[in-house]
PDB file of N, CA and C in Angstrom:
ATOM      1  N   UNK A   1      -8.139  28.082 -17.198  1.00  0.00           N
ATOM      2  CA  UNK A   1      -9.216  27.150 -16.974  1.00  0.00           C
ATOM      3  C   UNK A   1      -8.690  26.159 -17.748  1.00  0.00           C
ATOM      4  N   UNK A   2      -9.196  24.937 -17.138  1.00  0.00           N
ATOM      5  CA  UNK A   2      -8.666  23.315 -17.732  1.00  0.00           C
ATOM      6  C   UNK A   2      -9.913  23.278 -18.628  1.00  0.00           C
ATOM      7  N   UNK A   3      -9.926  22.982 -20.139  1.00  0.00           N
ATOM      8  CA  UNK A   3     -11.262  23.331 -20.673  1.00  0.00           C
ATOM      9  C   UNK A   3     -11.634  21.708 -21.097  1.00  0.00           C
ATOM     10  N   UNK A   4     -10.689  20.473 -20.744  1.00  0.00           N
ATOM     11  CA  UNK A   4     -11.032  19.052 -20.896  1.00  0.00           C
ATOM     12  C   UNK A   4     -11.516  19.069 -19.489  1.00  0.00           C
ATOM     13  N   UNK A   5     -11.009  19.421 -18.343  1.00  0.00           N
ATOM     14  CA  UNK A   5     -11.483  18.789 -17.281  1.00  0.00           C
ATOM     15  C   UNK A   5     -12.599  19.685 -16.979  1.00  0.00           C
ATOM     16  N   UNK A   6     -12.852  20.714 -17.700  1.00  0.00           N
ATOM     17  CA  UNK A   6     -14.454  21.193 -17.234  1.00  0.00           C
ATOM     18  C   UNK A   6     -15.237  20.458 -17.990  1.00  0.00           C
ATOM     19  N   UNK A   7     -14.965  19.683 -19.586  1.00  0.00           N
ATOM     20  CA  UNK A   7     -15.994  19.312 -19.921  1.00  0.00           C
ATOM     21  C   UNK A   7     -16.386  17.540 -19.382  1.00  0.00           C
ATOM     22  N   UNK A   8     -15.241  17.145 -18.589  1.00  0.00           N
ATOM     23  CA  UNK A   8     -15.225  16.120 -18.226  1.00  0.00           C
ATOM     24  C   UNK A   8     -16.160  16.515 -16.829  1.00  0.00           C
ATOM     25  N   UNK A   9     -16.309  17.925 -16.399  1.00  0.00           N
ATOM     26  CA  UNK A   9     -17.315  17.923 -15.043  1.00  0.00           C
ATOM     27  C   UNK A   9     -18.411  17.782 -15.654  1.00  0.00           C
ATOM     28  N   UNK A  10     -18.899  18.530 -16.638  1.00  0.00           N
ATOM     29  CA  UNK A  10     -19.885  18.306 -17.531  1.00  0.00           C
ATOM     30  C   UNK A  10     -20.691  17.171 -17.953  1.00  0.00           C
ATOM     31  N   UNK A  11     -19.655  16.118 -18.627  1.00  0.00           N
ATOM     32  CA  UNK A  11     -20.274  15.262 -19.111  1.00  0.00           C
ATOM     33  C   UNK A  11     -19.147  13.847 -18.737  1.00  0.00           C
ATOM     34  N   UNK A  12     -19.171  13.550 -17.077  1.00  0.00           N
ATOM     35  CA  UNK A  12     -18.270  12.965 -16.925  1.00  0.00           C
ATOM     36  C   UNK A  12     -18.231  11.113 -17.505  1.00  0.00           C
ATOM     37  N   UNK A  13     -19.341  11.218 -18.163  1.00  0.00           N
ATOM     38  CA  UNK A  13     -18.820   9.749 -18.870  1.00  0.00           C
ATOM     39  C   UNK A  13     -18.463   9.920 -20.246  1.00  0.00           C
ATOM     40  N   UNK A  14     -18.384  11.213 -21.019  1.00  0.00           N
ATOM     41  CA  UNK A  14     -17.395  10.907 -21.969  1.00  0.00           C
ATOM     42  C   UNK A  14     -15.886  10.889 -21.762  1.00  0.00           C
ATOM     43  N   UNK A  15     -15.567  10.370 -23.382  1.00  0.00           N
ATOM     44  CA  UNK A  15     -14.008   9.930 -23.105  1.00  0.00           C
ATOM     45  C   UNK A  15     -13.227  10.426 -23.940  1.00  0.00           C
ATOM     46  N   UNK A  16     -12.314  11.673 -23.457  1.00  0.00           N
ATOM     47  CA  UNK A  16     -11.505  12.366 -23.848  1.00  0.00           C
ATOM     48  C   UNK A  16     -10.819  11.873 -24.844  1.00  0.00           C
ATOM     49  N   UNK A  17     -10.877  10.559 -25.296  1.00  0.00           N
ATOM     50  CA  UNK A  17      -9.988  10.025 -26.455  1.00  0.00           C
ATOM     51  C   UNK A  17     -10.859   9.628 -27.684  1.00  0.00           C
ATOM     52  N   UNK A  18     -12.059   9.863 -27.482  1.00  0.00           N
ATOM     53  CA  UNK A  18     -13.074   9.421 -28.527  1.00  0.00           C
ATOM     54  C   UNK A  18     -14.129  10.485 -28.693  1.00  0.00           C
ATOM     55  N   UNK A  19     -14.888  11.030 -27.619  1.00  0.00           N
ATOM     56  CA  UNK A  19     -15.538  12.147 -27.701  1.00  0.00           C
ATOM     57  C   UNK A  19     -15.183  13.475 -28.097  1.00  0.00           C
ATOM     58  N   UNK A  20     -14.388  13.849 -27.456  1.00  0.00           N
ATOM     59  CA  UNK A  20     -13.752  15.637 -27.372  1.00  0.00           C
ATOM     60  C   UNK A  20     -12.151  15.107 -27.816  1.00  0.00           C
ATOM     61  N   UNK A  21     -11.899  16.247 -28.247  1.00  0.00           N
ATOM     62  CA  UNK A  21     -10.634  16.833 -28.033  1.00  0.00           C
ATOM     63  C   UNK A  21     -10.261  18.451 -28.060  1.00  0.00           C
ATOM     64  N   UNK A  22      -9.035  18.931 -27.061  1.00  0.00           N
ATOM     65  CA  UNK A  22      -9.237  19.988 -26.887  1.00  0.00           C
ATOM     66  C   UNK A  22      -7.817  20.094 -26.994  1.00  0.00           C
ATOM     67  N   UNK A  23      -7.212  21.167 -27.748  1.00  0.00           N
ATOM     68  CA  UNK A  23      -5.906  21.456 -28.461  1.00  0.00           C
ATOM     69  C   UNK A  23      -5.939  23.092 -28.161  1.00  0.00           C
ATOM     70  N   UNK A  24      -4.234  23.486 -28.020  1.00  0.00           N
ATOM     71  CA  UNK A  24      -3.979  24.510 -27.951  1.00  0.00           C
ATOM     72  C   UNK A  24      -2.503  24.864 -28.598  1.00  0.00           C
ATOM     73  N   UNK A  25      -2.485  25.528 -30.000  1.00  0.00           N
ATOM     74  CA  UNK A  25      -1.779  25.602 -30.929  1.00  0.00           C
ATOM     75  C   UNK A  25      -0.438  27.001 -30.762  1.00  0.00           C
ATOM     76  N   UNK A  26      -0.627  27.047 -29.440  1.00  0.00           N
ATOM     77  CA  UNK A  26       0.222  28.051 -28.672  1.00  0.00           C
ATOM     78  C   UNK A  26       0.261  29.731 -29.359  1.00  0.00           C
ATOM     79  N   UNK A  27      -0.813  30.094 -30.420  1.00  0.00           N
ATOM     80  CA  UNK A  27      -0.801  31.144 -31.002  1.00  0.00           C
ATOM     81  C   UNK A  27      -1.638  32.114 -30.162  1.00  0.00           C
ATOM     82  N   UNK A  28      -1.623  31.936 -28.601  1.00  0.00           N
ATOM     83  CA  UNK A  28      -2.109  33.231 -27.815  1.00  0.00           C
ATOM     84  C   UNK A  28      -3.858  33.160 -27.559  1.00  0.00           C
ATOM     85  N   UNK A  29      -4.076  32.711 -28.064  1.00  0.00           N
ATOM     86  CA  UNK A  29      -5.416  32.168 -28.078  1.00  0.00           C
ATOM     87  C   UNK A  29      -6.011  31.191 -26.716  1.00  0.00           C
ATOM     88  N   UNK A  30      -5.158  30.411 -26.518  1.00  0.00           N
ATOM     89  CA  UNK A  30      -5.600  29.615 -25.515  1.00  0.00           C
ATOM     90  C   UNK A  30      -6.037  28.259 -26.292  1.00  0.00           C
ATOM     91  N   UNK A  31      -6.187  27.075 -25.201  1.00  0.00           N
ATOM     92  CA  UNK A  31      -7.219  25.982 -25.935  1.00  0.00           C
ATOM     93  C   UNK A  31      -8.397  25.944 -26.173  1.00  0.00           C
ATOM     94  N   UNK A  32      -8.763  25.489 -27.146  1.00  0.00           N
ATOM     95  CA  UNK A  32      -9.964  25.515 -27.944  1.00  0.00           C
ATOM     96  C   UNK A  32     -10.624  23.725 -27.972  1.00  0.00           C
ATOM     97  N   UNK A  33     -11.927  23.704 -28.396  1.00  0.00           N
ATOM     98  CA  UNK A  33     -12.316  22.678 -28.787  1.00  0.00           C
ATOM     99  C   UNK A  33     -12.086  22.263 -30.108  1.00  0.00           C
ATOM    100  N   UNK A  34     -11.560  21.163 -30.622  1.00  0.00           N
ATOM    101  CA  UNK A  34     -10.807  20.827 -31.639  1.00  0.00           C
ATOM    102  C   UNK A  34     -11.815  19.728 -32.349  1.00  0.00           C
ATOM    103  N   UNK A  35     -12.297  18.698 -31.562  1.00  0.00           N
ATOM    104  CA  UNK A  35     -12.834  17.870 -32.173  1.00  0.00           C
ATOM    105  C   UNK A  35     -14.424  17.562 -30.858  1.00  0.00           C
ATOM    106  N   UNK A  36     -15.861  17.971 -31.690  1.00  0.00           N
ATOM    107  CA  UNK A  36     -16.788  17.549 -30.591  1.00  0.00           C
ATOM    108  C   UNK A  36     -17.509  16.182 -31.401  1.00  0.00           C
ATOM    109  N   UNK A  37     -17.615  15.048 -30.218  1.00  0.00           N
ATOM    110  CA  UNK A  37     -18.306  13.897 -31.087  1.00  0.00           C
ATOM    111  C   UNK A  37     -19.686  13.387 -30.012  1.00  0.00           C
ATOM    112  N   UNK A  38     -20.070  14.393 -29.206  1.00  0.00           N
ATOM    113  CA  UNK A  38     -20.640  14.025 -28.460  1.00  0.00           C
ATOM    114  C   UNK A  38     -22.058  14.405 -29.140  1.00  0.00           C
ATOM    115  N   UNK A  39     -23.212  13.934 -28.158  1.00  0.00           N
ATOM    116  CA  UNK A  39     -24.673  14.277 -29.085  1.00  0.00           C
ATOM    117  C   UNK A  39     -25.197  15.306 -28.243  1.00  0.00           C
ATOM    118  N   UNK A  40     -24.544  15.978 -27.388  1.00  0.00           N
ATOM    119  CA  UNK A  40     -25.301  17.445 -27.181  1.00  0.00           C
ATOM    120  C   UNK A  40     -24.569  18.390 -27.791  1.00  0.00           C
ATOM    121  N   UNK A  41     -25.206  19.934 -27.721  1.00  0.00           N
ATOM    122  CA  UNK A  41     -24.278  20.812 -28.095  1.00  0.00           C
ATOM    123  C   UNK A  41     -23.017  21.094 -27.439  1.00  0.00           C
ATOM    124  N   UNK A  42     -22.117  21.518 -28.128  1.00  0.00           N
ATOM    125  CA  UNK A  42     -20.806  21.885 -27.751  1.00  0.00           C
ATOM    126  C   UNK A  42     -21.206  23.309 -26.363  1.00  0.00           C
ATOM    127  N   UNK A  43     -20.387  23.056 -25.684  1.00  0.00           N
ATOM    128  CA  UNK A  43     -20.127  24.050 -24.536  1.00  0.00           C
ATOM    129  C   UNK A  43     -20.208  25.548 -24.688  1.00  0.00           C
ATOM    130  N   UNK A  44     -20.654  26.612 -24.554  1.00  0.00           N
ATOM    131  CA  UNK A  44     -19.655  27.803 -24.735  1.00  0.00           C
ATOM    132  C   UNK A  44     -18.700  28.061 -23.806  1.00  0.00           C
ATOM    133  N   UNK A  45     -18.125  29.318 -24.033  1.00  0.00           N
ATOM    134  CA  UNK A  45     -17.278  29.519 -22.884  1.00  0.00           C
ATOM    135  C   UNK A  45     -17.528  29.804 -21.937  1.00  0.00           C
ATOM    136  N   UNK A  46     -18.431  30.203 -21.548  1.00  0.00           N
ATOM    137  CA  UNK A  46     -19.378  30.805 -20.398  1.00  0.00           C
ATOM    138  C   UNK A  46     -19.267  29.557 -19.174  1.00  0.00           C
ATOM    139  N   UNK A  47     -20.168  28.236 -20.538  1.00  0.00           N
ATOM    140  CA  UNK A  47     -20.859  26.990 -19.944  1.00  0.00           C
ATOM    141  C   UNK A  47     -19.350  26.645 -19.272  1.00  0.00           C
ATOM    142  N   UNK A  48     -18.118  26.854 -19.860  1.00  0.00           N
ATOM    143  CA  UNK A  48     -16.915  26.366 -19.801  1.00  0.00           C
ATOM    144  C   UNK A  48     -16.360  26.605 -18.439  1.00  0.00           C
ATOM    145  N   UNK A  49     -16.418  28.084 -18.477  1.00  0.00           N
ATOM    146  CA  UNK A  49     -16.119  28.631 -16.954  1.00  0.00           C
ATOM    147  C   UNK A  49     -16.490  28.204 -15.666  1.00  0.00           C
ATOM    148  N   UNK A  50     -18.270  28.360 -16.060  1.00  0.00           N
ATOM    149  CA  UNK A  50     -19.078  27.958 -15.154  1.00  0.00           C
ATOM    150  C   UNK A  50     -18.430  26.336 -14.517  1.00  0.00           C
ATOM    151  N   UNK A  51     -18.381  25.289 -15.472  1.00  0.00           N
ATOM    152  CA  UNK A  51     -18.251  23.951 -14.829  1.00  0.00           C
ATOM    153  C   UNK A  51     -16.736  23.953 -14.343  1.00  0.00           C
ATOM    154  N   UNK A  52     -15.697  25.094 -14.700  1.00  0.00           N
ATOM    155  CA  UNK A  52     -14.167  24.683 -14.219  1.00  0.00           C
ATOM    156  C   UNK A  52     -14.389  25.370 -13.282  1.00  0.00           C
ATOM    157  N   UNK A  53     -15.016  26.542 -12.677  1.00  0.00           N
ATOM    158  CA  UNK A  53     -15.488  27.194 -11.219  1.00  0.00           C
ATOM    159  C   UNK A  53     -16.099  26.004 -10.463  1.00  0.00           C
ATOM    160  N   UNK A  54     -16.916  25.219 -10.757  1.00  0.00           N
ATOM    161  CA  UNK A  54     -17.690  24.222 -10.193  1.00  0.00           C
ATOM    162  C   UNK A  54     -17.109  23.141  -9.221  1.00  0.00           C
ATOM    163  N   UNK A  55     -16.200  22.819 -10.566  1.00  0.00           N
ATOM    164  CA  UNK A  55     -15.313  21.344 -10.676  1.00  0.00           C
ATOM    165  C   UNK A  55     -14.372  21.682  -9.367  1.00  0.00           C
ATOM    166  N   UNK A  56     -13.706  22.824  -9.644  1.00  0.00           N
ATOM    167  CA  UNK A  56     -12.886  23.616  -8.376  1.00  0.00           C
ATOM    168  C   UNK A  56     -13.436  23.585  -7.225  1.00  0.00           C
ATOM    169  N   UNK A  57     -14.597  24.259  -6.921  1.00  0.00           N
ATOM    170  CA  UNK A  57     -14.978  24.323  -5.639  1.00  0.00           C
ATOM    171  C   UNK A  57     -15.489  22.874  -5.174  1.00  0.00           C
ATOM    172  N   UNK A  58     -15.987  21.913  -6.113  1.00  0.00           N
ATOM    173  CA  UNK A  58     -16.340  20.365  -5.629  1.00  0.00           C
ATOM    174  C   UNK A  58     -14.800  19.600  -5.197  1.00  0.00           C
ATOM    175  N   UNK A  59     -14.017  20.300  -6.167  1.00  0.00           N
ATOM    176  CA  UNK A  59     -12.771  19.617  -5.579  1.00  0.00           C
ATOM    177  C   UNK A  59     -12.282  19.916  -4.171  1.00  0.00           C
ATOM    178  N   UNK A  60     -12.573  21.392  -3.691  1.00  0.00           N
ATOM    179  CA  UNK A  60     -12.181  21.793  -2.597  1.00  0.00           C
ATOM    180  C   UNK A  60     -13.002  21.401  -1.582  1.00  0.00           C
ATOM    181  N   UNK A  61     -14.100  20.817  -1.770  1.00  0.00           N
ATOM    182  CA  UNK A  61     -14.749  21.159  -1.007  1.00  0.00           C
ATOM    183  C   UNK A  61     -14.904  19.065  -0.343  1.00  0.00           C
ATOM    184  N   UNK A  62     -14.212  18.321  -1.415  1.00  0.00           N
ATOM    185  CA  UNK A  62     -13.933  16.947  -1.026  1.00  0.00           C
ATOM    186  C   UNK A  62     -13.311  16.815   0.251  1.00  0.00           C
ATOM    187  N   UNK A  63     -14.100  15.666   1.136  1.00  0.00           N
ATOM    188  CA  UNK A  63     -13.344  15.559   2.438  1.00  0.00           C
ATOM    189  C   UNK A  63     -11.799  15.076   2.303  1.00  0.00           C
ATOM    190  N   UNK A  64     -11.425  14.981   3.317  1.00  0.00           N
ATOM    191  CA  UNK A  64      -9.692  14.542   3.250  1.00  0.00           C
ATOM    192  C   UNK A  64      -9.773  13.217   3.642  1.00  0.00           C
ATOM    193  N   UNK A  65      -8.754  12.358   3.060  1.00  0.00           N
ATOM    194  CA  UNK A  65      -8.872  11.311   3.234  1.00  0.00           C
ATOM    195  C   UNK A  65      -9.150  10.553   4.792  1.00  0.00           C
ATOM    196  N   UNK A  66      -9.862   9.180   4.464  1.00  0.00           N
ATOM    197  CA  UNK A  66      -9.848   8.791   5.771  1.00  0.00           C
ATOM    198  C   UNK A  66      -8.764   8.776   6.376  1.00  0.00           C
ATOM    199  N   UNK A  67      -8.423   8.194   7.879  1.00  0.00           N
ATOM    200  CA  UNK A  67      -7.489   7.971   8.622  1.00  0.00           C
ATOM    201  C   UNK A  67      -6.873   6.650   8.026  1.00  0.00           C
ATOM    202  N   UNK A  68      -7.675   5.669   7.782  1.00  0.00           N
ATOM    203  CA  UNK A  68      -7.235   4.777   7.340  1.00  0.00           C
ATOM    204  C   UNK A  68      -6.665   4.342   6.327  1.00  0.00           C
ATOM    205  N   UNK A  69      -7.246   5.175   5.332  1.00  0.00           N
ATOM    206  CA  UNK A  69      -6.518   5.614   3.859  1.00  0.00           C
ATOM    207  C   UNK A  69      -5.405   5.976   4.282  1.00  0.00           C
ATOM    208  N   UNK A  70      -4.850   7.047   4.800  1.00  0.00           N
ATOM    209  CA  UNK A  70      -3.870   7.627   5.326  1.00  0.00           C
ATOM    210  C   UNK A  70      -2.729   6.975   5.467  1.00  0.00           C
ATOM    211  N   UNK A  71      -3.181   5.894   6.752  1.00  0.00           N
ATOM    212  CA  UNK A  71      -2.166   4.829   7.240  1.00  0.00           C
ATOM    213  C   UNK A  71      -1.850   3.948   6.079  1.00  0.00           C
ATOM    214  N   UNK A  72      -2.623   3.643   5.076  1.00  0.00           N
ATOM    215  CA  UNK A  72      -2.504   2.242   4.199  1.00  0.00           C
ATOM    216  C   UNK A  72      -1.192   3.287   3.636  1.00  0.00           C
ATOM    217  N   UNK A  73      -1.280   4.385   2.983  1.00  0.00           N
ATOM    218  CA  UNK A  73      -0.220   5.389   2.315  1.00  0.00           C
ATOM    219  C   UNK A  73       1.118   5.147   3.030  1.00  0.00           C
ATOM    220  N   UNK A  74       0.780   5.703   4.412  1.00  0.00           N
ATOM    221  CA  UNK A  74       2.103   5.510   5.035  1.00  0.00           C
ATOM    222  C   UNK A  74       2.327   4.260   5.182  1.00  0.00           C
ATOM    223  N   UNK A  75       2.047   3.378   5.160  1.00  0.00           N
ATOM    224  CA  UNK A  75       2.867   1.922   4.886  1.00  0.00           C
ATOM    225  C   UNK A  75       3.223   1.454   3.698  1.00  0.00           C
ATOM    226  N   UNK A  76       2.559   1.912   2.943  1.00  0.00           N
ATOM    227  CA  UNK A  76       2.974   1.608   1.314  1.00  0.00           C
ATOM    228  C   UNK A  76       3.976   2.255   1.204  1.00  0.00           C
ATOM    229  N   UNK A  77       4.285   3.639   1.673  1.00  0.00           N
ATOM    230  CA  UNK A  77       5.231   4.447   1.320  1.00  0.00           C
ATOM    231  C   UNK A  77       6.571   4.275   2.093  1.00  0.00           C
ATOM    232  N   UNK A  78       6.366   3.333   3.619  1.00  0.00           N
ATOM    233  CA  UNK A  78       7.278   3.133   4.593  1.00  0.00           C
ATOM    234  C   UNK A  78       8.046   2.151   3.805  1.00  0.00           C
ATOM    235  N   UNK A  79       7.004   0.813   2.932  1.00  0.00           N
ATOM    236  CA  UNK A  79       7.410  -0.247   2.371  1.00  0.00           C
ATOM    237  C   UNK A  79       8.539  -0.006   1.223  1.00  0.00           C
ATOM    238  N   UNK A  80       7.834   1.120   0.488  1.00  0.00           N
ATOM    239  CA  UNK A  80       8.801   1.236  -1.100  1.00  0.00           C
ATOM    240  C   UNK A  80       9.749   2.263  -0.352  1.00  0.00           C
ATOM    241  N   UNK A  81      10.055   2.765   0.538  1.00  0.00           N
ATOM    242  CA  UNK A  81      11.575   3.410   1.131  1.00  0.00           C
ATOM    243  C   UNK A  81      12.096   1.960   1.516  1.00  0.00           C
ATOM    244  N   UNK A  82      11.651   1.091   2.241  1.00  0.00           N
ATOM    245  CA  UNK A  82      12.625   0.330   2.683  1.00  0.00           C
ATOM    246  C   UNK A  82      12.903  -0.673   1.529  1.00  0.00           C
ATOM    247  N   UNK A  83      12.357  -0.906   0.240  1.00  0.00           N
ATOM    248  CA  UNK A  83      12.792  -1.694  -0.559  1.00  0.00           C
ATOM    249  C   UNK A  83      13.623  -0.929  -1.387  1.00  0.00           C
ATOM    250  N   UNK A  84      13.624   0.832  -1.556  1.00  0.00           N
ATOM    251  CA  UNK A  84      14.815   1.688  -2.365  1.00  0.00           C
ATOM    252  C   UNK A  84      16.431   1.332  -1.467  1.00  0.00           C
ATOM    253  N   UNK A  85      15.959   1.369   0.030  1.00  0.00           N
ATOM    254  CA  UNK A  85      16.958   1.579   0.652  1.00  0.00           C
ATOM    255  C   UNK A  85      17.595  -0.224   0.329  1.00  0.00           C
ATOM    256  N   UNK A  86      16.708  -1.231   0.354  1.00  0.00           N
ATOM    257  CA  UNK A  86      17.614  -2.268  -0.171  1.00  0.00           C
ATOM    258  C   UNK A  86      18.243  -2.508  -1.302  1.00  0.00           C
ATOM    259  N   UNK A  87      17.381  -1.968  -2.557  1.00  0.00           N
ATOM    260  CA  UNK A  87      17.883  -1.796  -4.004  1.00  0.00           C
ATOM    261  C   UNK A  87      19.032  -1.127  -3.717  1.00  0.00           C
ATOM    262  N   UNK A  88      19.265   0.075  -2.879  1.00  0.00           N
ATOM    263  CA  UNK A  88      20.431   0.816  -3.032  1.00  0.00           C
ATOM    264  C   UNK A  88      21.865   0.397  -2.506  1.00  0.00           C
ATOM    265  N   UNK A  89      21.590  -0.396  -1.433  1.00  0.00           N
ATOM    266  CA  UNK A  89      22.527  -1.371  -0.891  1.00  0.00           C
ATOM    267  C   UNK A  89      23.131  -2.478  -1.758  1.00  0.00           C
ATOM    268  N   UNK A  90      22.380  -2.966  -2.848  1.00  0.00           N
ATOM    269  CA  UNK A  90      22.702  -4.150  -3.639  1.00  0.00           C
ATOM    270  C   UNK A  90      23.283  -3.255  -5.015  1.00  0.00           C
ATOM    271  N   UNK A  91      22.579  -2.060  -5.187  1.00  0.00           N
ATOM    272  CA  UNK A  91      23.559  -1.107  -6.118  1.00  0.00           C
ATOM    273  C   UNK A  91      25.078  -0.738  -5.685  1.00  0.00           C
ATOM    274  N   UNK A  92      25.151  -0.646  -4.340  1.00  0.00           N
ATOM    275  CA  UNK A  92      26.526   0.105  -4.015  1.00  0.00           C
ATOM    276  C   UNK A  92      27.206  -1.278  -3.778  1.00  0.00           C
ATOM    277  N   UNK A  93      26.971  -2.487  -3.657  1.00  0.00           N
ATOM    278  CA  UNK A  93      27.673  -3.634  -3.191  1.00  0.00           C
ATOM    279  C   UNK A  93      28.213  -4.083  -4.573  1.00  0.00           C
ATOM    280  N   UNK A  94      27.444  -3.640  -5.593  1.00  0.00           N
ATOM    281  CA  UNK A  94      27.800  -4.101  -7.449  1.00  0.00           C
ATOM    282  C   UNK A  94      28.559  -3.104  -7.303  1.00  0.00           C
ATOM    283  N   UNK A  95      28.325  -2.142  -7.188  1.00  0.00           N
ATOM    284  CA  UNK A  95      29.553  -0.996  -7.777  1.00  0.00           C
ATOM    285  C   UNK A  95      30.991  -1.025  -7.328  1.00  0.00           C
ATOM    286  N   UNK A  96      30.927  -1.744  -5.969  1.00  0.00           N
ATOM    287  CA  UNK A  96      32.391  -1.776  -5.434  1.00  0.00           C
ATOM    288  C   UNK A  96      33.044  -3.060  -5.578  1.00  0.00           C
ATOM    289  N   UNK A  97      32.425  -4.295  -6.356  1.00  0.00           N
ATOM    290  CA  UNK A  97      32.560  -5.424  -6.798  1.00  0.00           C
ATOM    291  C   UNK A  97      33.161  -5.140  -8.197  1.00  0.00           C
ATOM    292  N   UNK A  98      32.334  -4.656  -8.889  1.00  0.00           N
ATOM    293  CA  UNK A  98      32.349  -3.907 -10.113  1.00  0.00           C
ATOM    294  C   UNK A  98      34.035  -3.417 -10.199  1.00  0.00           C
ATOM    295  N   UNK A  99      34.378  -2.209  -9.017  1.00  0.00           N
ATOM    296  CA  UNK A  99      35.586  -1.805  -8.677  1.00  0.00           C
ATOM    297  C   UNK A  99      36.501  -2.492  -8.434  1.00  0.00           C
ATOM    298  N   UNK A 100      36.564  -3.724  -7.538  1.00  0.00           N
ATOM    299  CA  UNK A 100      37.777  -5.054  -7.273  1.00  0.00           C
ATOM    300  C   UNK A 100      37.903  -5.752  -8.546  1.00  0.00           C
ATOM    301  N   UNK A 101      36.584  -6.351  -9.340  1.00  0.00           N
ATOM    302  CA  UNK A 101      37.202  -6.428 -10.572  1.00  0.00           C
ATOM    303  C   UNK A 101      38.029  -5.937 -11.511  1.00  0.00           C
ATOM    304  N   UNK A 102      37.613  -4.332 -11.941  1.00  0.00           N
ATOM    305  CA  UNK A 102      38.432  -3.704 -12.769  1.00  0.00           C
ATOM    306  C   UNK A 102      40.078  -3.376 -12.112  1.00  0.00           C
ATOM    307  N   UNK A 103      39.897  -3.264 -10.542  1.00  0.00           N
ATOM    308  CA  UNK A 103      41.120  -3.047 -10.438  1.00  0.00           C
ATOM    309  C   UNK A 103      42.156  -4.457 -10.215  1.00  0.00           C
ATOM    310  N   UNK A 104      41.554  -5.641 -10.490  1.00  0.00           N
ATOM    311  CA  UNK A 104      42.145  -7.224 -10.848  1.00  0.00           C
ATOM    312  C   UNK A 104      42.454  -7.272 -12.029  1.00  0.00           C
ATOM    313  N   UNK A 105      41.830  -6.776 -12.804  1.00  0.00           N
ATOM    314  CA  UNK A 105      42.060  -6.883 -14.453  1.00  0.00           C
ATOM    315  C   UNK A 105      43.268  -6.159 -14.936  1.00  0.00           C
ATOM    316  N   UNK A 106      43.305  -4.711 -14.194  1.00  0.00           N
ATOM    317  CA  UNK A 106      44.268  -4.026 -14.434  1.00  0.00           C
ATOM    318  C   UNK A 106      45.722  -4.383 -13.922  1.00  0.00           C
ATOM    319  N   UNK A 107      45.628  -5.128 -12.898  1.00  0.00           N
ATOM    320  CA  UNK A 107      46.999  -5.687 -12.201  1.00  0.00           C
ATOM    321  C   UNK A 107      47.331  -7.004 -12.956  1.00  0.00           C
ATOM    322  N   UNK A 108      46.018  -7.716 -13.605  1.00  0.00           N
ATOM    323  CA  UNK A 108      46.752  -8.784 -14.615  1.00  0.00           C
ATOM    324  C   UNK A 108      47.041  -8.202 -15.904  1.00  0.00           C
ATOM    325  N   UNK A 109      46.853  -7.091 -16.268  1.00  0.00           N
ATOM    326  CA  UNK A 109      46.809  -6.275 -17.473  1.00  0.00           C
ATOM    327  C   UNK A 109      48.712  -6.094 -17.298  1.00  0.00           C
ATOM    328  N   UNK A 110      48.257  -5.274 -16.293  1.00  0.00           N
ATOM    329  CA  UNK A 110      50.342  -4.836 -16.153  1.00  0.00           C
ATOM    330  C   UNK A 110      51.151  -6.245 -16.234  1.00  0.00           C
ATOM    331  N   UNK A 111      50.574  -7.432 -15.566  1.00  0.00           N
ATOM    332  CA  UNK A 111      51.603  -8.258 -15.472  1.00  0.00           C
ATOM    333  C   UNK A 111      51.656  -9.100 -16.846  1.00  0.00           C
ATOM    334  N   UNK A 112      50.650  -8.872 -17.648  1.00  0.00           N
ATOM    335  CA  UNK A 112      50.581  -9.623 -19.026  1.00  0.00           C
ATOM    336  C   UNK A 112      52.094  -8.661 -19.675  1.00  0.00           C
ATOM    337  N   UNK A 113      52.031  -7.258 -19.314  1.00  0.00           N
ATOM    338  CA  UNK A 113      52.491  -6.413 -20.093  1.00  0.00           C
ATOM    339  C   UNK A 113      54.469  -6.574 -19.545  1.00  0.00           C
ATOM    340  N   UNK A 114      54.348  -6.788 -18.286  1.00  0.00           N
ATOM    341  CA  UNK A 114      55.639  -7.388 -17.633  1.00  0.00           C
ATOM    342  C   UNK A 114      56.127  -8.577 -18.328  1.00  0.00           C
ATOM    343  N   UNK A 115      55.011  -9.537 -18.366  1.00  0.00           N
ATOM    344  CA  UNK A 115      55.906 -10.828 -19.112  1.00  0.00           C
ATOM    345  C   UNK A 115      55.943 -10.491 -20.540  1.00  0.00           C
ATOM    346  N   UNK A 116      55.218 -10.060 -21.059  1.00  0.00           N
ATOM    347  CA  UNK A 116      55.452  -9.771 -22.628  1.00  0.00           C
ATOM    348  C   UNK A 116      56.961  -9.082 -22.570  1.00  0.00           C
ATOM    349  N   UNK A 117      57.015  -8.004 -21.836  1.00  0.00           N
ATOM    350  CA  UNK A 117      58.463  -7.392 -22.190  1.00  0.00           C
ATOM    351  C   UNK A 117      59.567  -7.864 -21.475  1.00  0.00           C
ATOM    352  N   UNK A 118      59.492  -9.152 -20.834  1.00  0.00           N
ATOM    353  CA  UNK A 118      60.396 -10.077 -20.245  1.00  0.00           C
ATOM    354  C   UNK A 118      60.969  -9.688 -19.084  1.00  0.00           C
ATOM    355  N   UNK A 119      60.008  -8.928 -18.659  1.00  0.00           N
ATOM    356  CA  UNK A 119      60.104  -9.084 -16.655  1.00  0.00           C
ATOM    357  C   UNK A 119      59.300  -9.631 -15.796  1.00  0.00           C
ATOM    358  N   UNK A 120      59.591 -10.722 -15.641  1.00  0.00           N
ATOM    359  CA  UNK A 120      58.055 -11.240 -14.580  1.00  0.00           C
ATOM    360  C   UNK A 120      57.794 -10.455 -13.576  1.00  0.00           C
ATOM    361  N   UNK A 121      58.907  -9.861 -13.249  1.00  0.00           N
ATOM    362  CA  UNK A 121      58.404  -8.980 -11.546  1.00  0.00           C
ATOM    363  C   UNK A 121      57.909  -8.031 -11.497  1.00  0.00           C
ATOM    364  N   UNK A 122      57.192  -7.372 -12.904  1.00  0.00           N
ATOM    365  CA  UNK A 122      56.451  -6.240 -12.855  1.00  0.00           C
ATOM    366  C   UNK A 122      57.779  -5.325 -13.500  1.00  0.00           C
TER     367      UNK A 122
END
């Protein structure tokens, strides 16, 4: 059971950052309500379990997204994919340019070493 979600199901106006805090100190006893600042009695384990089950049923009974919403999500996903492909292409080009610059620098370094040793032909 997700106790914080069960509390939010029971008290949808509650603010989990202000009104309550669920902690788990990993002692094998599971999560517990560590802070309770609501003006209602703290729910029992049975009430929390019932709320958790009701929440899960409500979520399972929610209608699927409308076709328009799905189409909008598909479009946003396609746009994101296109943007990522463009960014990937730019990164690849930048990588190739970096490699070319490194090769040119290495060649210049070899020429400088040859000049320093008195051998202008390398």
